[in-house]
Amino acid sequence: MSSIFNVLDIMPQAIIISQMIFLFIFGNLVYQQGDTLIFEEQGNLVEKWVINESDDHVKGQVVRKAKISYNHQMFLIYEEKHSEEGNLLSTKITFYNADKEELWEESRDSTRMLSYYLSNICNKLFIITDTDERSKDPSVSVVQDGRKFQIVEQGSWRLIFDYKISSNCKYIVMHCRKPYVSRLWDYIYSVNLETRADWEYLFPVCTTCKRGKITLDINDSGEVEVIYRKKHRILSNEGKLVKSFIKVE
């Protein structure tokens, strides 16, 4: 990782560590071990949830997965329901706090499916992504302070491969793909979650042709680092290429 990001990230990391120490001493926390969620109150175990316990009353199959927020104050449970023939019937995501209080719920029928991989929690900010049955044509919404707004409309992008959220939960950057001239091409797309200002950067290399993975990072000022085959590109919070360099590790 480049020096600009290392220097800028020192202070946020120190703040996060101090917050986690405070929460460990005074707050309720949730942890995950496999398919078991562990709830602690002031460091003491109070309850366990096994999220994939069998239910004899349900026909077909129900698959559940969980994710925990970095500060262990929030978690989500993702649920897929399949028919006895194995067809997807519905998906659901429910967000909770560490007190096991339900904060938000989204569900989809078989025409659209919620994405476990592309949905997440950042502090009190919920990322909700749904796609078609082939995990394409994504739509992304954000829930913040009980209000929901959309940052990616259905039809804007053919695919979203990955994304990163800044540690202050103000910016999000995505690796996306949509048609350009005669083929699908890679883009870097970023949104300021406070102002809704966005930008996109057409990636100069066809990663489908040459293979290889794009790695993203974003700092609390909205500056983005894109790494592809040891070449680092630094983009400003307006999507302008600031500098590029090759880092041999």
C-alpha atoms as a PDB file:
ATOM      1  CA  MET A   1       0.000   0.000   0.000  1.00  0.00           C
ATOM      2  CA  SER A   2       1.313   3.432  -0.884  1.00  0.00           C
ATOM      3  CA  SER A   3       2.707   5.869   1.672  1.00  0.00           C
ATOM      4  CA  ILE A   4      -0.079   8.402   1.146  1.00  0.00           C
ATOM      5  CA  PHE A   5      -2.634   5.908   2.430  1.00  0.00           C
ATOM      6  CA  ASN A   6      -0.451   4.645   5.270  1.00  0.00           C
ATOM      7  CA  VAL A   7       0.055   8.162   6.652  1.00  0.00           C
ATOM      8  CA  LEU A   8      -3.562   9.222   6.287  1.00  0.00           C
ATOM      9  CA  ASP A   9      -4.860   6.045   7.916  1.00  0.00           C
ATOM     10  CA  ILE A  10      -2.852   6.286  11.165  1.00  0.00           C
ATOM     11  CA  MET A  11      -5.293   8.611  12.922  1.00  0.00           C
ATOM     12  CA  PRO A  12      -8.533   6.773  11.933  1.00  0.00           C
ATOM     13  CA  GLN A  13      -7.014   3.454  13.012  1.00  0.00           C
ATOM     14  CA  ALA A  14      -6.084   4.897  16.410  1.00  0.00           C
ATOM     15  CA  ILE A  15      -9.636   6.225  16.847  1.00  0.00           C
ATOM     16  CA  ILE A  16     -11.153   2.868  15.874  1.00  0.00           C
ATOM     17  CA  ILE A  17      -8.925   0.997  18.348  1.00  0.00           C
ATOM     18  CA  SER A  18      -9.847   3.352  21.192  1.00  0.00           C
ATOM     19  CA  GLN A  19     -13.555   3.001  20.335  1.00  0.00           C
ATOM     20  CA  MET A  20     -13.302  -0.788  20.360  1.00  0.00           C
ATOM     21  CA  ILE A  21     -11.586  -0.758  23.769  1.00  0.00           C
ATOM     22  CA  PHE A  22     -14.380   1.460  25.108  1.00  0.00           C
ATOM     23  CA  LEU A  23     -17.067  -0.830  23.651  1.00  0.00           C
ATOM     24  CA  PHE A  24     -15.395  -3.938  25.041  1.00  0.00           C
ATOM     25  CA  ILE A  25     -15.501  -2.505  28.545  1.00  0.00           C
ATOM     26  CA  PHE A  26     -18.933  -0.878  28.489  1.00  0.00           C
ATOM     27  CA  GLY A  27     -21.035  -2.200  25.580  1.00  0.00           C
ATOM     28  CA  ASN A  28     -22.752  -5.297  24.271  1.00  0.00           C
ATOM     29  CA  LEU A  29     -20.820  -7.008  21.481  1.00  0.00           C
ATOM     30  CA  VAL A  30     -21.423  -9.806  18.993  1.00  0.00           C
ATOM     31  CA  TYR A  31     -18.851 -12.212  17.532  1.00  0.00           C
ATOM     32  CA  GLN A  32     -19.009 -15.012  14.987  1.00  0.00           C
ATOM     33  CA  GLN A  33     -17.564 -18.514  15.083  1.00  0.00           C
ATOM     34  CA  GLY A  34     -18.615 -20.492  12.029  1.00  0.00           C
ATOM     35  CA  ASP A  35     -22.429 -20.497  11.953  1.00  0.00           C
ATOM     36  CA  THR A  36     -22.671 -19.471  15.623  1.00  0.00           C
ATOM     37  CA  LEU A  37     -23.143 -15.894  16.838  1.00  0.00           C
ATOM     38  CA  ILE A  38     -21.798 -15.174  20.315  1.00  0.00           C
ATOM     39  CA  PHE A  39     -23.240 -12.290  22.346  1.00  0.00           C
ATOM     40  CA  GLU A  40     -21.282 -10.702  25.168  1.00  0.00           C
ATOM     41  CA  GLU A  41     -22.230  -8.092  27.729  1.00  0.00           C
ATOM     42  CA  GLN A  42     -19.300  -6.298  29.385  1.00  0.00           C
ATOM     43  CA  GLY A  43     -17.049  -9.201  28.416  1.00  0.00           C
ATOM     44  CA  ASN A  44     -19.360 -11.946  29.705  1.00  0.00           C
ATOM     45  CA  LEU A  45     -21.048 -14.524  27.471  1.00  0.00           C
ATOM     46  CA  VAL A  46     -24.828 -14.056  27.606  1.00  0.00           C
ATOM     47  CA  GLU A  47     -26.199 -15.981  24.611  1.00  0.00           C
ATOM     48  CA  LYS A  48     -25.419 -17.985  21.475  1.00  0.00           C
ATOM     49  CA  TRP A  49     -27.364 -18.182  18.211  1.00  0.00           C
ATOM     50  CA  VAL A  50     -26.846 -21.072  15.799  1.00  0.00           C
ATOM     51  CA  ILE A  51     -28.013 -19.534  12.539  1.00  0.00           C
ATOM     52  CA  ASN A  52     -28.366 -22.783  10.557  1.00  0.00           C
ATOM     53  CA  GLU A  53     -30.389 -24.882  12.992  1.00  0.00           C
ATOM     54  CA  SER A  54     -32.668 -27.289  11.134  1.00  0.00           C
ATOM     55  CA  ASP A  55     -36.405 -26.583  11.048  1.00  0.00           C
ATOM     56  CA  ASP A  56     -38.597 -29.637  10.513  1.00  0.00           C
ATOM     57  CA  HIS A  57     -41.608 -27.433   9.696  1.00  0.00           C
ATOM     58  CA  VAL A  58     -39.960 -25.879   6.616  1.00  0.00           C
ATOM     59  CA  LYS A  59     -40.231 -27.709   3.300  1.00  0.00           C
ATOM     60  CA  GLY A  60     -37.215 -27.447   1.034  1.00  0.00           C
ATOM     61  CA  GLN A  61     -33.998 -25.871   2.278  1.00  0.00           C
ATOM     62  CA  VAL A  62     -33.168 -22.687   4.162  1.00  0.00           C
ATOM     63  CA  VAL A  63     -29.560 -21.433   4.078  1.00  0.00           C
ATOM     64  CA  ARG A  64     -28.448 -18.659   6.441  1.00  0.00           C
ATOM     65  CA  LYS A  65     -25.215 -16.675   6.617  1.00  0.00           C
ATOM     66  CA  ALA A  66     -24.103 -13.852   8.910  1.00  0.00           C
ATOM     67  CA  LYS A  67     -21.791 -10.843   8.839  1.00  0.00           C
ATOM     68  CA  ILE A  68     -20.500  -8.784  11.771  1.00  0.00           C
ATOM     69  CA  SER A  69     -19.654  -5.076  11.705  1.00  0.00           C
ATOM     70  CA  TYR A  70     -16.011  -4.170  12.365  1.00  0.00           C
ATOM     71  CA  ASN A  71     -16.902  -2.709  15.798  1.00  0.00           C
ATOM     72  CA  HIS A  72     -18.978  -5.805  16.735  1.00  0.00           C
ATOM     73  CA  GLN A  73     -22.042  -3.666  17.516  1.00  0.00           C
ATOM     74  CA  MET A  74     -24.127  -4.748  14.512  1.00  0.00           C
ATOM     75  CA  PHE A  75     -24.714  -7.870  12.473  1.00  0.00           C
ATOM     76  CA  LEU A  76     -26.813  -9.102   9.591  1.00  0.00           C
ATOM     77  CA  ILE A  77     -28.385 -12.455   8.827  1.00  0.00           C
ATOM     78  CA  TYR A  78     -28.859 -13.403   5.177  1.00  0.00           C
ATOM     79  CA  GLU A  79     -31.406 -16.095   4.333  1.00  0.00           C
ATOM     80  CA  GLU A  80     -32.097 -18.065   1.155  1.00  0.00           C
ATOM     81  CA  LYS A  81     -35.165 -20.273   0.773  1.00  0.00           C
ATOM     82  CA  HIS A  82     -35.104 -23.062  -1.816  1.00  0.00           C
ATOM     83  CA  SER A  83     -37.859 -25.405  -2.908  1.00  0.00           C
ATOM     84  CA  GLU A  84     -37.572 -29.164  -2.492  1.00  0.00           C
ATOM     85  CA  GLU A  85     -36.473 -29.235  -6.149  1.00  0.00           C
ATOM     86  CA  GLY A  86     -33.638 -26.799  -5.370  1.00  0.00           C
ATOM     87  CA  ASN A  87     -35.140 -23.686  -6.996  1.00  0.00           C
ATOM     88  CA  LEU A  88     -34.557 -20.346  -5.293  1.00  0.00           C
ATOM     89  CA  LEU A  89     -37.821 -19.038  -3.818  1.00  0.00           C
ATOM     90  CA  SER A  90     -36.771 -15.917  -1.901  1.00  0.00           C
ATOM     91  CA  THR A  91     -33.939 -14.098  -0.147  1.00  0.00           C
ATOM     92  CA  LYS A  92     -33.973 -11.933   2.958  1.00  0.00           C
ATOM     93  CA  ILE A  93     -31.491  -9.798   4.901  1.00  0.00           C
ATOM     94  CA  THR A  94     -32.176  -8.651   8.452  1.00  0.00           C
ATOM     95  CA  PHE A  95     -29.957  -6.180  10.308  1.00  0.00           C
ATOM     96  CA  TYR A  96     -29.629  -6.262  14.097  1.00  0.00           C
ATOM     97  CA  ASN A  97     -27.696  -4.534  16.850  1.00  0.00           C
ATOM     98  CA  ALA A  98     -25.736  -6.462  19.481  1.00  0.00           C
ATOM     99  CA  ASP A  99     -28.797  -6.312  21.768  1.00  0.00           C
ATOM    100  CA  LYS A 100     -30.503  -8.536  19.138  1.00  0.00           C
ATOM    101  CA  GLU A 101     -32.968  -5.778  18.228  1.00  0.00           C
ATOM    102  CA  GLU A 102     -34.105  -5.859  14.598  1.00  0.00           C
ATOM    103  CA  LEU A 103     -33.179  -2.600  12.846  1.00  0.00           C
ATOM    104  CA  TRP A 104     -34.023  -3.173   9.181  1.00  0.00           C
ATOM    105  CA  GLU A 105     -35.257  -5.959   6.915  1.00  0.00           C
ATOM    106  CA  GLU A 106     -35.280  -6.432   3.148  1.00  0.00           C
ATOM    107  CA  SER A 107     -36.667  -9.364   1.166  1.00  0.00           C
ATOM    108  CA  ARG A 108     -36.902 -10.319  -2.519  1.00  0.00           C
ATOM    109  CA  ASP A 109     -38.819 -12.981  -4.427  1.00  0.00           C
ATOM    110  CA  SER A 110     -37.289 -15.209  -7.092  1.00  0.00           C
ATOM    111  CA  THR A 111     -37.220 -12.472  -9.796  1.00  0.00           C
ATOM    112  CA  ARG A 112     -34.479 -10.562  -7.940  1.00  0.00           C
ATOM    113  CA  MET A 113     -32.116 -11.899  -5.292  1.00  0.00           C
ATOM    114  CA  LEU A 114     -30.358 -10.138  -2.454  1.00  0.00           C
ATOM    115  CA  SER A 115     -26.583 -10.530  -2.595  1.00  0.00           C
ATOM    116  CA  TYR A 116     -24.858 -11.732   0.566  1.00  0.00           C
ATOM    117  CA  TYR A 117     -21.421 -10.954  -0.887  1.00  0.00           C
ATOM    118  CA  LEU A 118     -22.285  -7.378  -1.914  1.00  0.00           C
ATOM    119  CA  SER A 119     -24.358  -6.440   1.163  1.00  0.00           C
ATOM    120  CA  ASN A 120     -22.631  -5.259   4.320  1.00  0.00           C
ATOM    121  CA  ILE A 121     -22.514  -3.111   7.461  1.00  0.00           C
ATOM    122  CA  CYS A 122     -20.283  -0.113   8.138  1.00  0.00           C
ATOM    123  CA  ASN A 123     -20.905   1.222  11.623  1.00  0.00           C
ATOM    124  CA  LYS A 124     -24.624   2.148  11.499  1.00  0.00           C
ATOM    125  CA  LEU A 125     -24.714   2.232   7.701  1.00  0.00           C
ATOM    126  CA  PHE A 126     -26.277  -0.725   5.882  1.00  0.00           C
ATOM    127  CA  ILE A 127     -25.391  -1.628   2.274  1.00  0.00           C
ATOM    128  CA  ILE A 128     -28.138  -3.609   0.509  1.00  0.00           C
ATOM    129  CA  THR A 129     -27.498  -5.073  -2.958  1.00  0.00           C
ATOM    130  CA  ASP A 130     -29.804  -7.107  -5.134  1.00  0.00           C
ATOM    131  CA  THR A 131     -29.168  -8.662  -8.557  1.00  0.00           C
ATOM    132  CA  ASP A 132     -30.836 -10.879 -11.113  1.00  0.00           C
ATOM    133  CA  GLU A 133     -30.596 -14.661 -10.780  1.00  0.00           C
ATOM    134  CA  ARG A 134     -27.177 -14.630 -12.529  1.00  0.00           C
ATOM    135  CA  SER A 135     -25.742 -12.057 -10.060  1.00  0.00           C
ATOM    136  CA  LYS A 136     -25.855  -9.386 -12.787  1.00  0.00           C
ATOM    137  CA  ASP A 137     -27.723  -6.082 -13.234  1.00  0.00           C
ATOM    138  CA  PRO A 138     -27.123  -4.934  -9.628  1.00  0.00           C
ATOM    139  CA  SER A 139     -29.017  -2.334  -7.630  1.00  0.00           C
ATOM    140  CA  VAL A 140     -27.409  -0.895  -4.476  1.00  0.00           C
ATOM    141  CA  SER A 141     -29.145   1.003  -1.674  1.00  0.00           C
ATOM    142  CA  VAL A 142     -27.875   2.443   1.589  1.00  0.00           C
ATOM    143  CA  VAL A 143     -29.774   2.710   4.860  1.00  0.00           C
ATOM    144  CA  GLN A 144     -28.480   5.440   7.149  1.00  0.00           C
ATOM    145  CA  ASP A 145     -30.220   6.734  10.298  1.00  0.00           C
ATOM    146  CA  GLY A 146     -33.388   4.879   9.324  1.00  0.00           C
ATOM    147  CA  ARG A 147     -33.522   6.425   5.837  1.00  0.00           C
ATOM    148  CA  LYS A 148     -32.965   4.482   2.622  1.00  0.00           C
ATOM    149  CA  PHE A 149     -31.499   5.915  -0.577  1.00  0.00           C
ATOM    150  CA  GLN A 150     -30.220   4.354  -3.787  1.00  0.00           C
ATOM    151  CA  ILE A 151     -26.645   4.783  -5.020  1.00  0.00           C
ATOM    152  CA  VAL A 152     -26.738   2.338  -7.953  1.00  0.00           C
ATOM    153  CA  GLU A 153     -29.872   2.066 -10.056  1.00  0.00           C
ATOM    154  CA  GLN A 154     -30.794  -1.191 -11.730  1.00  0.00           C
ATOM    155  CA  GLY A 155     -29.432  -1.087 -15.285  1.00  0.00           C
ATOM    156  CA  SER A 156     -26.544   1.313 -14.525  1.00  0.00           C
ATOM    157  CA  TRP A 157     -23.912  -1.440 -14.350  1.00  0.00           C
ATOM    158  CA  ARG A 158     -23.771  -4.948 -15.726  1.00  0.00           C
ATOM    159  CA  LEU A 159     -21.653  -6.246 -12.824  1.00  0.00           C
ATOM    160  CA  ILE A 160     -20.212  -5.141  -9.502  1.00  0.00           C
ATOM    161  CA  PHE A 161     -17.178  -7.220  -8.561  1.00  0.00           C
ATOM    162  CA  ASP A 162     -16.160  -5.648  -5.289  1.00  0.00           C
ATOM    163  CA  TYR A 163     -16.277  -2.458  -3.250  1.00  0.00           C
ATOM    164  CA  LYS A 164     -14.610  -0.759  -0.308  1.00  0.00           C
ATOM    165  CA  ILE A 165     -16.038   1.721   2.206  1.00  0.00           C
ATOM    166  CA  SER A 166     -13.894   4.366   3.890  1.00  0.00           C
ATOM    167  CA  SER A 167     -13.409   3.877   7.630  1.00  0.00           C
ATOM    168  CA  ASN A 168     -15.527   6.969   8.360  1.00  0.00           C
ATOM    169  CA  CYS A 169     -18.337   5.428   6.250  1.00  0.00           C
ATOM    170  CA  LYS A 170     -18.529   8.576   4.099  1.00  0.00           C
ATOM    171  CA  TYR A 171     -17.265   7.189   0.768  1.00  0.00           C
ATOM    172  CA  ILE A 172     -17.708   3.983  -1.188  1.00  0.00           C
ATOM    173  CA  VAL A 173     -15.686   2.857  -4.227  1.00  0.00           C
ATOM    174  CA  MET A 174     -16.638   0.001  -6.544  1.00  0.00           C
ATOM    175  CA  HIS A 175     -15.070  -2.081  -9.274  1.00  0.00           C
ATOM    176  CA  CYS A 176     -17.838  -2.319 -11.885  1.00  0.00           C
ATOM    177  CA  ARG A 177     -18.309  -3.339 -15.483  1.00  0.00           C
ATOM    178  CA  LYS A 178     -20.596  -2.078 -18.258  1.00  0.00           C
ATOM    179  CA  PRO A 179     -20.537  -1.939 -22.073  1.00  0.00           C
ATOM    180  CA  TYR A 180     -17.972   0.372 -23.671  1.00  0.00           C
ATOM    181  CA  VAL A 181     -17.809   0.500 -27.489  1.00  0.00           C
ATOM    182  CA  SER A 182     -18.105  -3.192 -28.444  1.00  0.00           C
ATOM    183  CA  ARG A 183     -17.322  -5.035 -25.201  1.00  0.00           C
ATOM    184  CA  LEU A 184     -17.773  -5.014 -21.439  1.00  0.00           C
ATOM    185  CA  TRP A 185     -15.154  -2.831 -19.751  1.00  0.00           C
ATOM    186  CA  ASP A 186     -13.950  -2.189 -16.217  1.00  0.00           C
ATOM    187  CA  TYR A 187     -14.721   1.033 -14.361  1.00  0.00           C
ATOM    188  CA  ILE A 188     -13.952   2.441 -10.933  1.00  0.00           C
ATOM    189  CA  TYR A 189     -17.058   4.103  -9.505  1.00  0.00           C
ATOM    190  CA  SER A 190     -17.210   6.130  -6.288  1.00  0.00           C
ATOM    191  CA  VAL A 191     -20.007   7.846  -4.350  1.00  0.00           C
ATOM    192  CA  ASN A 192     -19.901  10.397  -1.526  1.00  0.00           C
ATOM    193  CA  LEU A 193     -22.601   8.955   0.740  1.00  0.00           C
ATOM    194  CA  GLU A 194     -23.271  12.347   2.361  1.00  0.00           C
ATOM    195  CA  THR A 195     -23.618  14.543  -0.730  1.00  0.00           C
ATOM    196  CA  ARG A 196     -24.449  11.749  -3.267  1.00  0.00           C
ATOM    197  CA  ALA A 197     -21.770  13.227  -5.570  1.00  0.00           C
ATOM    198  CA  ASP A 198     -20.283  10.482  -7.741  1.00  0.00           C
ATOM    199  CA  TRP A 199     -17.681   9.873 -10.418  1.00  0.00           C
ATOM    200  CA  GLU A 200     -16.511   7.054 -12.655  1.00  0.00           C
ATOM    201  CA  TYR A 201     -13.073   6.272 -14.050  1.00  0.00           C
ATOM    202  CA  LEU A 202     -12.688   4.158 -17.176  1.00  0.00           C
ATOM    203  CA  PHE A 203      -9.943   1.662 -16.347  1.00  0.00           C
ATOM    204  CA  PRO A 204      -7.309   1.758 -19.116  1.00  0.00           C
ATOM    205  CA  VAL A 205      -6.692  -2.008 -19.148  1.00  0.00           C
ATOM    206  CA  CYS A 206      -9.068  -4.751 -20.272  1.00  0.00           C
ATOM    207  CA  THR A 207      -8.814  -7.109 -17.290  1.00  0.00           C
ATOM    208  CA  THR A 208     -10.965  -9.728 -19.056  1.00  0.00           C
ATOM    209  CA  CYS A 209      -8.457  -9.911 -21.896  1.00  0.00           C
ATOM    210  CA  LYS A 210      -5.308  -9.992 -19.769  1.00  0.00           C
ATOM    211  CA  ARG A 211      -6.756 -11.537 -16.606  1.00  0.00           C
ATOM    212  CA  GLY A 212      -5.822 -10.371 -13.143  1.00  0.00           C
ATOM    213  CA  LYS A 213      -7.619  -8.849 -10.181  1.00  0.00           C
ATOM    214  CA  ILE A 214      -8.227  -5.200  -9.372  1.00  0.00           C
ATOM    215  CA  THR A 215      -7.745  -4.344  -5.679  1.00  0.00           C
ATOM    216  CA  LEU A 216      -9.310  -1.222  -4.195  1.00  0.00           C
ATOM    217  CA  ASP A 217      -8.759   0.994  -1.183  1.00  0.00           C
ATOM    218  CA  ILE A 218     -10.260   4.346  -0.180  1.00  0.00           C
ATOM    219  CA  ASN A 219      -9.304   6.747   2.595  1.00  0.00           C
ATOM    220  CA  ASP A 220     -11.429   9.099   4.697  1.00  0.00           C
ATOM    221  CA  SER A 221     -10.938  11.956   2.212  1.00  0.00           C
ATOM    222  CA  GLY A 222     -12.367   9.914  -0.652  1.00  0.00           C
ATOM    223  CA  GLU A 223      -9.023   9.354  -2.414  1.00  0.00           C
ATOM    224  CA  VAL A 224      -8.890   5.959  -4.089  1.00  0.00           C
ATOM    225  CA  GLU A 225      -6.031   3.549  -4.672  1.00  0.00           C
ATOM    226  CA  VAL A 226      -6.422   1.012  -7.473  1.00  0.00           C
ATOM    227  CA  ILE A 227      -3.902  -1.825  -7.707  1.00  0.00           C
ATOM    228  CA  TYR A 228      -3.620  -4.040 -10.771  1.00  0.00           C
ATOM    229  CA  ARG A 229      -0.599  -6.263 -11.458  1.00  0.00           C
ATOM    230  CA  LYS A 230       1.683  -4.312  -9.060  1.00  0.00           C
ATOM    231  CA  LYS A 231       0.766  -0.979 -10.659  1.00  0.00           C
ATOM    232  CA  HIS A 232      -0.796   1.486  -8.228  1.00  0.00           C
ATOM    233  CA  ARG A 233      -3.057   4.289  -9.456  1.00  0.00           C
ATOM    234  CA  ILE A 234      -4.078   7.077  -7.062  1.00  0.00           C
ATOM    235  CA  LEU A 235      -7.346   8.832  -7.920  1.00  0.00           C
ATOM    236  CA  SER A 236      -8.556  12.061  -6.314  1.00  0.00           C
ATOM    237  CA  ASN A 237     -11.970  12.309  -4.653  1.00  0.00           C
ATOM    238  CA  GLU A 238     -13.198  13.704  -7.986  1.00  0.00           C
ATOM    239  CA  GLY A 239     -11.945  10.721  -9.994  1.00  0.00           C
ATOM    240  CA  LYS A 240      -8.847  12.359 -11.494  1.00  0.00           C
ATOM    241  CA  LEU A 241      -5.659  10.330 -11.864  1.00  0.00           C
ATOM    242  CA  VAL A 242      -3.162  11.940  -9.460  1.00  0.00           C
ATOM    243  CA  LYS A 243      -0.236   9.585  -9.912  1.00  0.00           C
ATOM    244  CA  SER A 244       0.696   6.017 -10.784  1.00  0.00           C
ATOM    245  CA  PHE A 245       3.663   3.879  -9.891  1.00  0.00           C
ATOM    246  CA  ILE A 246       4.838   0.283  -9.829  1.00  0.00           C
ATOM    247  CA  LYS A 247       5.570  -1.258  -6.451  1.00  0.00           C
ATOM    248  CA  VAL A 248       7.677  -4.403  -6.383  1.00  0.00           C
ATOM    249  CA  GLU A 249       7.099  -6.450  -3.240  1.00  0.00           C
END
